[in-house]
Amino acid sequence: MDKTQRKRKIARASRVKRVRKELHGSAERPRFSVSKTNCHIYAQLIDDDKAVTLIGLGTQSKSMAGAGLKRKSKESAREIGKQIAELAKSKNILSVIFDRGRYKFHGIIAELANAAREAGLQF
């Protein structure tokens, strides 16, 4: 591995640690984790006490394929935010802890979070 790639990998890991060191999800208030790649975006509700993913959704999910949103975009992020909030309400989860990971809170991440807030999730 090249020296610059190694430095980039270490910097990314430190950003994740800095954000997540104070976040801990429980069954009553799970961690709302967001991740993205060059082509797709994913969101999960995680119970850190039991180390279990309660709800997971992404642009590669079957429900998103029916909506016609298969790639990473602001529209698909809004739809994921709405759907994850609806699934959380069906499991009686009203409040979550938002975990943006290593990403800044703007663009696609902000759209997803705002859509989840509008759909009824509190964080």
N, C-alpha and C. Protein backbone atom coordinates (compact mmCIF):
# COMPACT_ATOMS: atom_id res chain seq x y z
N MET A 1 0.85 -1.17 0.00
CA MET A 1 0.00 0.00 0.00
C MET A 1 0.89 1.24 0.00
N ASP A 2 0.53 2.20 -0.78
CA ASP A 2 1.27 3.44 -0.90
C ASP A 2 1.16 4.24 0.40
N LYS A 3 2.13 5.11 0.64
CA LYS A 3 2.15 5.91 1.87
C LYS A 3 0.93 6.83 1.96
N THR A 4 0.54 7.45 0.86
CA THR A 4 -0.61 8.36 0.90
C THR A 4 -1.91 7.60 1.13
N GLN A 5 -2.03 6.41 0.57
CA GLN A 5 -3.22 5.61 0.80
C GLN A 5 -3.32 5.19 2.26
N ARG A 6 -2.18 4.86 2.86
CA ARG A 6 -2.16 4.46 4.26
C ARG A 6 -2.57 5.64 5.15
N LYS A 7 -2.07 6.82 4.84
CA LYS A 7 -2.41 8.01 5.62
C LYS A 7 -3.90 8.33 5.48
N ARG A 8 -4.45 8.18 4.29
CA ARG A 8 -5.87 8.43 4.05
C ARG A 8 -6.73 7.44 4.84
N LYS A 9 -6.31 6.18 4.85
CA LYS A 9 -7.06 5.16 5.58
C LYS A 9 -7.04 5.42 7.08
N ILE A 10 -5.91 5.85 7.60
CA ILE A 10 -5.80 6.17 9.02
C ILE A 10 -6.65 7.39 9.36
N ALA A 11 -6.64 8.40 8.49
CA ALA A 11 -7.44 9.60 8.73
C ALA A 11 -8.93 9.29 8.72
N ARG A 12 -9.38 8.43 7.81
CA ARG A 12 -10.79 8.04 7.76
C ARG A 12 -11.19 7.30 9.03
N ALA A 13 -10.33 6.39 9.48
CA ALA A 13 -10.63 5.63 10.69
C ALA A 13 -10.70 6.54 11.90
N SER A 14 -9.84 7.54 11.97
CA SER A 14 -9.87 8.45 13.12
C SER A 14 -11.12 9.33 13.09
N ARG A 15 -11.60 9.70 11.91
CA ARG A 15 -12.84 10.48 11.82
C ARG A 15 -14.02 9.66 12.33
N VAL A 16 -14.06 8.38 11.96
CA VAL A 16 -15.14 7.51 12.42
C VAL A 16 -15.08 7.37 13.94
N LYS A 17 -13.90 7.16 14.49
CA LYS A 17 -13.76 7.01 15.94
C LYS A 17 -14.17 8.28 16.67
N ARG A 18 -13.81 9.42 16.13
CA ARG A 18 -14.14 10.70 16.75
C ARG A 18 -15.65 10.90 16.83
N VAL A 19 -16.36 10.50 15.79
CA VAL A 19 -17.82 10.66 15.77
C VAL A 19 -18.49 9.62 16.65
N ARG A 20 -18.03 8.37 16.59
CA ARG A 20 -18.74 7.28 17.26
C ARG A 20 -18.35 7.06 18.71
N LYS A 21 -17.32 7.72 19.21
CA LYS A 21 -16.89 7.43 20.58
C LYS A 21 -17.94 7.80 21.62
N GLU A 22 -18.83 8.75 21.29
CA GLU A 22 -19.84 9.17 22.23
C GLU A 22 -21.24 8.65 21.88
N LEU A 23 -21.35 7.89 20.81
CA LEU A 23 -22.65 7.37 20.38
C LEU A 23 -22.78 5.91 20.79
N HIS A 24 -23.92 5.58 21.38
CA HIS A 24 -24.19 4.19 21.74
C HIS A 24 -25.69 3.97 21.66
N GLY A 25 -26.11 3.08 20.81
CA GLY A 25 -27.53 2.81 20.62
C GLY A 25 -28.04 1.74 21.55
N SER A 26 -29.31 1.83 21.90
CA SER A 26 -29.96 0.82 22.73
C SER A 26 -31.24 0.37 22.04
N ALA A 27 -31.97 -0.52 22.67
CA ALA A 27 -33.21 -1.00 22.06
C ALA A 27 -34.26 0.10 22.01
N GLU A 28 -34.29 0.98 23.03
CA GLU A 28 -35.25 2.07 23.06
C GLU A 28 -34.85 3.20 22.12
N ARG A 29 -33.55 3.45 22.02
CA ARG A 29 -33.04 4.53 21.19
C ARG A 29 -31.84 4.02 20.38
N PRO A 30 -32.10 3.37 19.25
CA PRO A 30 -31.01 2.77 18.47
C PRO A 30 -30.18 3.82 17.72
N ARG A 31 -29.03 3.37 17.26
CA ARG A 31 -28.13 4.23 16.49
C ARG A 31 -28.55 4.17 15.02
N PHE A 32 -28.76 5.35 14.43
CA PHE A 32 -29.17 5.49 13.03
C PHE A 32 -27.90 5.73 12.23
N SER A 33 -27.33 4.66 11.70
CA SER A 33 -26.05 4.72 11.01
C SER A 33 -26.25 4.88 9.51
N VAL A 34 -25.47 5.77 8.90
CA VAL A 34 -25.55 6.04 7.47
C VAL A 34 -24.19 5.79 6.85
N SER A 35 -24.17 5.11 5.72
CA SER A 35 -22.93 4.92 4.97
C SER A 35 -23.24 5.05 3.49
N LYS A 36 -22.20 5.35 2.74
CA LYS A 36 -22.39 5.50 1.30
C LYS A 36 -21.14 5.06 0.57
N THR A 37 -21.36 4.67 -0.69
CA THR A 37 -20.27 4.34 -1.59
C THR A 37 -20.37 5.27 -2.79
N ASN A 38 -19.60 5.00 -3.80
CA ASN A 38 -19.67 5.84 -4.99
C ASN A 38 -21.00 5.69 -5.73
N CYS A 39 -21.64 4.55 -5.57
CA CYS A 39 -22.88 4.28 -6.33
C CYS A 39 -24.13 4.16 -5.46
N HIS A 40 -24.00 3.84 -4.18
CA HIS A 40 -25.16 3.51 -3.36
C HIS A 40 -25.09 4.18 -2.00
N ILE A 41 -26.23 4.20 -1.32
CA ILE A 41 -26.33 4.74 0.04
C ILE A 41 -27.12 3.76 0.89
N TYR A 42 -26.72 3.61 2.16
CA TYR A 42 -27.32 2.64 3.06
C TYR A 42 -27.62 3.30 4.40
N ALA A 43 -28.67 2.84 5.08
CA ALA A 43 -29.02 3.31 6.42
C ALA A 43 -29.45 2.12 7.26
N GLN A 44 -29.07 2.15 8.55
CA GLN A 44 -29.40 1.06 9.46
C GLN A 44 -29.79 1.62 10.81
N LEU A 45 -30.65 0.92 11.51
CA LEU A 45 -30.91 1.18 12.92
C LEU A 45 -30.28 0.03 13.69
N ILE A 46 -29.34 0.36 14.60
CA ILE A 46 -28.52 -0.65 15.26
C ILE A 46 -28.70 -0.57 16.77
N ASP A 47 -28.93 -1.71 17.40
CA ASP A 47 -28.94 -1.84 18.86
C ASP A 47 -27.55 -2.29 19.27
N ASP A 48 -26.77 -1.38 19.86
CA ASP A 48 -25.38 -1.69 20.22
C ASP A 48 -25.28 -2.58 21.46
N ASP A 49 -26.30 -2.59 22.31
CA ASP A 49 -26.27 -3.45 23.49
C ASP A 49 -26.24 -4.92 23.10
N LYS A 50 -27.07 -5.29 22.12
CA LYS A 50 -27.15 -6.68 21.66
C LYS A 50 -26.34 -6.92 20.39
N ALA A 51 -25.77 -5.86 19.82
CA ALA A 51 -25.02 -5.93 18.56
C ALA A 51 -25.89 -6.52 17.45
N VAL A 52 -27.10 -5.92 17.29
CA VAL A 52 -28.08 -6.41 16.32
C VAL A 52 -28.54 -5.24 15.46
N THR A 53 -28.67 -5.50 14.16
CA THR A 53 -29.26 -4.53 13.25
C THR A 53 -30.77 -4.73 13.27
N LEU A 54 -31.49 -3.70 13.69
CA LEU A 54 -32.95 -3.79 13.78
C LEU A 54 -33.61 -3.60 12.42
N ILE A 55 -33.15 -2.58 11.69
CA ILE A 55 -33.69 -2.27 10.37
C ILE A 55 -32.54 -1.87 9.47
N GLY A 56 -32.53 -2.37 8.26
CA GLY A 56 -31.52 -1.99 7.29
C GLY A 56 -32.16 -1.72 5.94
N LEU A 57 -31.70 -0.67 5.28
CA LEU A 57 -32.28 -0.28 4.01
C LEU A 57 -31.22 0.42 3.17
N GLY A 58 -31.27 0.22 1.88
CA GLY A 58 -30.31 0.87 0.99
C GLY A 58 -30.85 0.95 -0.42
N THR A 59 -30.07 1.54 -1.29
CA THR A 59 -30.52 1.69 -2.67
C THR A 59 -30.55 0.35 -3.39
N GLN A 60 -29.92 -0.67 -2.86
CA GLN A 60 -29.96 -1.99 -3.47
C GLN A 60 -31.06 -2.87 -2.90
N SER A 61 -31.86 -2.34 -1.98
CA SER A 61 -32.97 -3.10 -1.39
C SER A 61 -34.08 -3.32 -2.42
N LYS A 62 -34.87 -4.36 -2.20
CA LYS A 62 -35.97 -4.66 -3.12
C LYS A 62 -37.01 -3.56 -3.13
N SER A 63 -37.26 -2.95 -1.99
CA SER A 63 -38.28 -1.88 -1.93
C SER A 63 -37.85 -0.65 -2.71
N MET A 64 -36.56 -0.39 -2.80
CA MET A 64 -36.07 0.76 -3.56
C MET A 64 -36.09 0.47 -5.06
N ALA A 65 -35.93 -0.78 -5.44
CA ALA A 65 -35.97 -1.13 -6.86
C ALA A 65 -37.37 -0.90 -7.42
N GLY A 66 -38.38 -1.13 -6.60
CA GLY A 66 -39.76 -0.89 -7.03
C GLY A 66 -40.05 0.59 -7.20
N ALA A 67 -39.35 1.44 -6.45
CA ALA A 67 -39.56 2.88 -6.55
C ALA A 67 -38.80 3.49 -7.73
N GLY A 68 -37.96 2.71 -8.36
CA GLY A 68 -37.21 3.20 -9.52
C GLY A 68 -35.97 3.99 -9.15
N LEU A 69 -35.56 3.95 -7.88
CA LEU A 69 -34.38 4.68 -7.43
C LEU A 69 -33.30 3.67 -7.06
N LYS A 70 -32.43 3.37 -7.99
CA LYS A 70 -31.44 2.32 -7.79
C LYS A 70 -30.03 2.87 -7.54
N ARG A 71 -29.84 4.18 -7.69
CA ARG A 71 -28.51 4.76 -7.56
C ARG A 71 -28.49 5.80 -6.45
N LYS A 72 -27.30 6.23 -6.08
CA LYS A 72 -27.14 7.24 -5.05
C LYS A 72 -27.54 8.60 -5.60
N SER A 73 -28.53 9.23 -4.97
CA SER A 73 -28.97 10.57 -5.35
C SER A 73 -29.73 11.16 -4.17
N LYS A 74 -30.02 12.45 -4.24
CA LYS A 74 -30.76 13.09 -3.16
C LYS A 74 -32.19 12.55 -3.10
N GLU A 75 -32.77 12.23 -4.25
CA GLU A 75 -34.12 11.68 -4.27
C GLU A 75 -34.16 10.31 -3.58
N SER A 76 -33.18 9.46 -3.88
CA SER A 76 -33.16 8.15 -3.25
C SER A 76 -32.85 8.27 -1.75
N ALA A 77 -32.04 9.25 -1.36
CA ALA A 77 -31.76 9.46 0.06
C ALA A 77 -33.02 9.89 0.79
N ARG A 78 -33.83 10.76 0.18
CA ARG A 78 -35.09 11.17 0.78
C ARG A 78 -36.02 9.97 0.96
N GLU A 79 -36.08 9.13 -0.05
CA GLU A 79 -36.96 7.95 0.00
C GLU A 79 -36.49 6.97 1.08
N ILE A 80 -35.19 6.77 1.20
CA ILE A 80 -34.66 5.87 2.24
C ILE A 80 -34.99 6.44 3.62
N GLY A 81 -34.83 7.75 3.80
CA GLY A 81 -35.16 8.37 5.08
C GLY A 81 -36.62 8.18 5.45
N LYS A 82 -37.51 8.37 4.49
CA LYS A 82 -38.94 8.19 4.75
C LYS A 82 -39.26 6.74 5.10
N GLN A 83 -38.71 5.81 4.31
CA GLN A 83 -39.02 4.39 4.53
C GLN A 83 -38.47 3.89 5.85
N ILE A 84 -37.26 4.34 6.22
CA ILE A 84 -36.69 3.85 7.47
C ILE A 84 -37.45 4.41 8.66
N ALA A 85 -37.98 5.63 8.53
CA ALA A 85 -38.79 6.20 9.60
C ALA A 85 -40.11 5.44 9.74
N GLU A 86 -40.71 5.06 8.63
CA GLU A 86 -41.95 4.29 8.68
C GLU A 86 -41.73 2.92 9.29
N LEU A 87 -40.63 2.26 8.92
CA LEU A 87 -40.31 0.95 9.50
C LEU A 87 -40.03 1.07 10.99
N ALA A 88 -39.37 2.15 11.39
CA ALA A 88 -39.08 2.35 12.81
C ALA A 88 -40.37 2.58 13.60
N LYS A 89 -41.30 3.35 13.03
CA LYS A 89 -42.58 3.58 13.70
C LYS A 89 -43.35 2.27 13.87
N SER A 90 -43.26 1.40 12.87
CA SER A 90 -43.96 0.12 12.97
C SER A 90 -43.38 -0.77 14.06
N LYS A 91 -42.10 -0.53 14.42
CA LYS A 91 -41.47 -1.28 15.52
C LYS A 91 -41.46 -0.47 16.82
N ASN A 92 -42.27 0.59 16.88
CA ASN A 92 -42.41 1.45 18.06
C ASN A 92 -41.11 2.13 18.46
N ILE A 93 -40.32 2.53 17.48
CA ILE A 93 -39.10 3.30 17.71
C ILE A 93 -39.38 4.72 17.26
N LEU A 94 -39.36 5.66 18.19
CA LEU A 94 -39.66 7.05 17.87
C LEU A 94 -38.44 7.95 17.93
N SER A 95 -37.43 7.55 18.70
CA SER A 95 -36.25 8.38 18.90
C SER A 95 -35.00 7.57 18.58
N VAL A 96 -34.05 8.19 17.89
CA VAL A 96 -32.80 7.52 17.51
C VAL A 96 -31.62 8.45 17.77
N ILE A 97 -30.43 7.89 17.69
CA ILE A 97 -29.19 8.65 17.77
C ILE A 97 -28.58 8.63 16.38
N PHE A 98 -28.39 9.79 15.77
CA PHE A 98 -27.90 9.86 14.39
C PHE A 98 -26.39 9.70 14.36
N ASP A 99 -25.92 8.76 13.55
CA ASP A 99 -24.50 8.48 13.38
C ASP A 99 -24.14 8.74 11.92
N ARG A 100 -23.50 9.87 11.66
CA ARG A 100 -23.15 10.23 10.29
C ARG A 100 -21.87 9.55 9.82
N GLY A 101 -21.19 8.84 10.71
CA GLY A 101 -19.97 8.15 10.34
C GLY A 101 -18.85 9.13 10.05
N ARG A 102 -18.15 8.94 8.96
CA ARG A 102 -17.04 9.82 8.60
C ARG A 102 -17.47 10.92 7.65
N TYR A 103 -18.75 11.02 7.35
CA TYR A 103 -19.24 11.95 6.35
C TYR A 103 -19.71 13.25 6.99
N LYS A 104 -19.54 14.36 6.30
CA LYS A 104 -20.04 15.64 6.75
C LYS A 104 -21.56 15.66 6.62
N PHE A 105 -22.20 16.47 7.46
CA PHE A 105 -23.65 16.56 7.44
C PHE A 105 -24.07 17.59 6.39
N HIS A 106 -24.02 17.20 5.14
CA HIS A 106 -24.49 18.02 4.03
C HIS A 106 -24.78 17.13 2.85
N GLY A 107 -25.49 17.66 1.88
CA GLY A 107 -25.77 16.90 0.67
C GLY A 107 -26.69 15.73 0.92
N ILE A 108 -26.26 14.56 0.49
CA ILE A 108 -27.08 13.35 0.56
C ILE A 108 -27.36 12.94 2.00
N ILE A 109 -26.37 13.06 2.87
CA ILE A 109 -26.55 12.69 4.28
C ILE A 109 -27.60 13.59 4.93
N ALA A 110 -27.54 14.88 4.66
CA ALA A 110 -28.50 15.83 5.23
C ALA A 110 -29.91 15.57 4.68
N GLU A 111 -30.02 15.25 3.40
CA GLU A 111 -31.32 14.95 2.81
C GLU A 111 -31.95 13.73 3.48
N LEU A 112 -31.16 12.69 3.69
CA LEU A 112 -31.66 11.48 4.33
C LEU A 112 -32.12 11.78 5.75
N ALA A 113 -31.33 12.52 6.50
CA ALA A 113 -31.68 12.84 7.89
C ALA A 113 -32.92 13.72 7.96
N ASN A 114 -33.01 14.72 7.10
CA ASN A 114 -34.16 15.61 7.13
C ASN A 114 -35.45 14.89 6.73
N ALA A 115 -35.36 13.97 5.78
CA ALA A 115 -36.54 13.18 5.39
C ALA A 115 -37.00 12.29 6.54
N ALA A 116 -36.04 11.71 7.27
CA ALA A 116 -36.41 10.88 8.42
C ALA A 116 -37.05 11.72 9.52
N ARG A 117 -36.55 12.93 9.72
CA ARG A 117 -37.15 13.84 10.71
C ARG A 117 -38.57 14.22 10.31
N GLU A 118 -38.75 14.56 9.03
CA GLU A 118 -40.08 14.94 8.56
C GLU A 118 -41.08 13.80 8.67
N ALA A 119 -40.58 12.56 8.55
CA ALA A 119 -41.45 11.40 8.63
C ALA A 119 -41.75 11.00 10.08
N GLY A 120 -41.10 11.66 11.05
CA GLY A 120 -41.47 11.42 12.43
C GLY A 120 -40.39 10.93 13.37
N LEU A 121 -39.19 10.61 12.88
CA LEU A 121 -38.12 10.19 13.78
C LEU A 121 -37.56 11.41 14.50
N GLN A 122 -37.23 11.24 15.77
CA GLN A 122 -36.65 12.32 16.57
C GLN A 122 -35.18 12.03 16.83
N PHE A 123 -34.32 13.01 16.48
CA PHE A 123 -32.90 12.95 16.84
C PHE A 123 -32.31 14.32 16.75
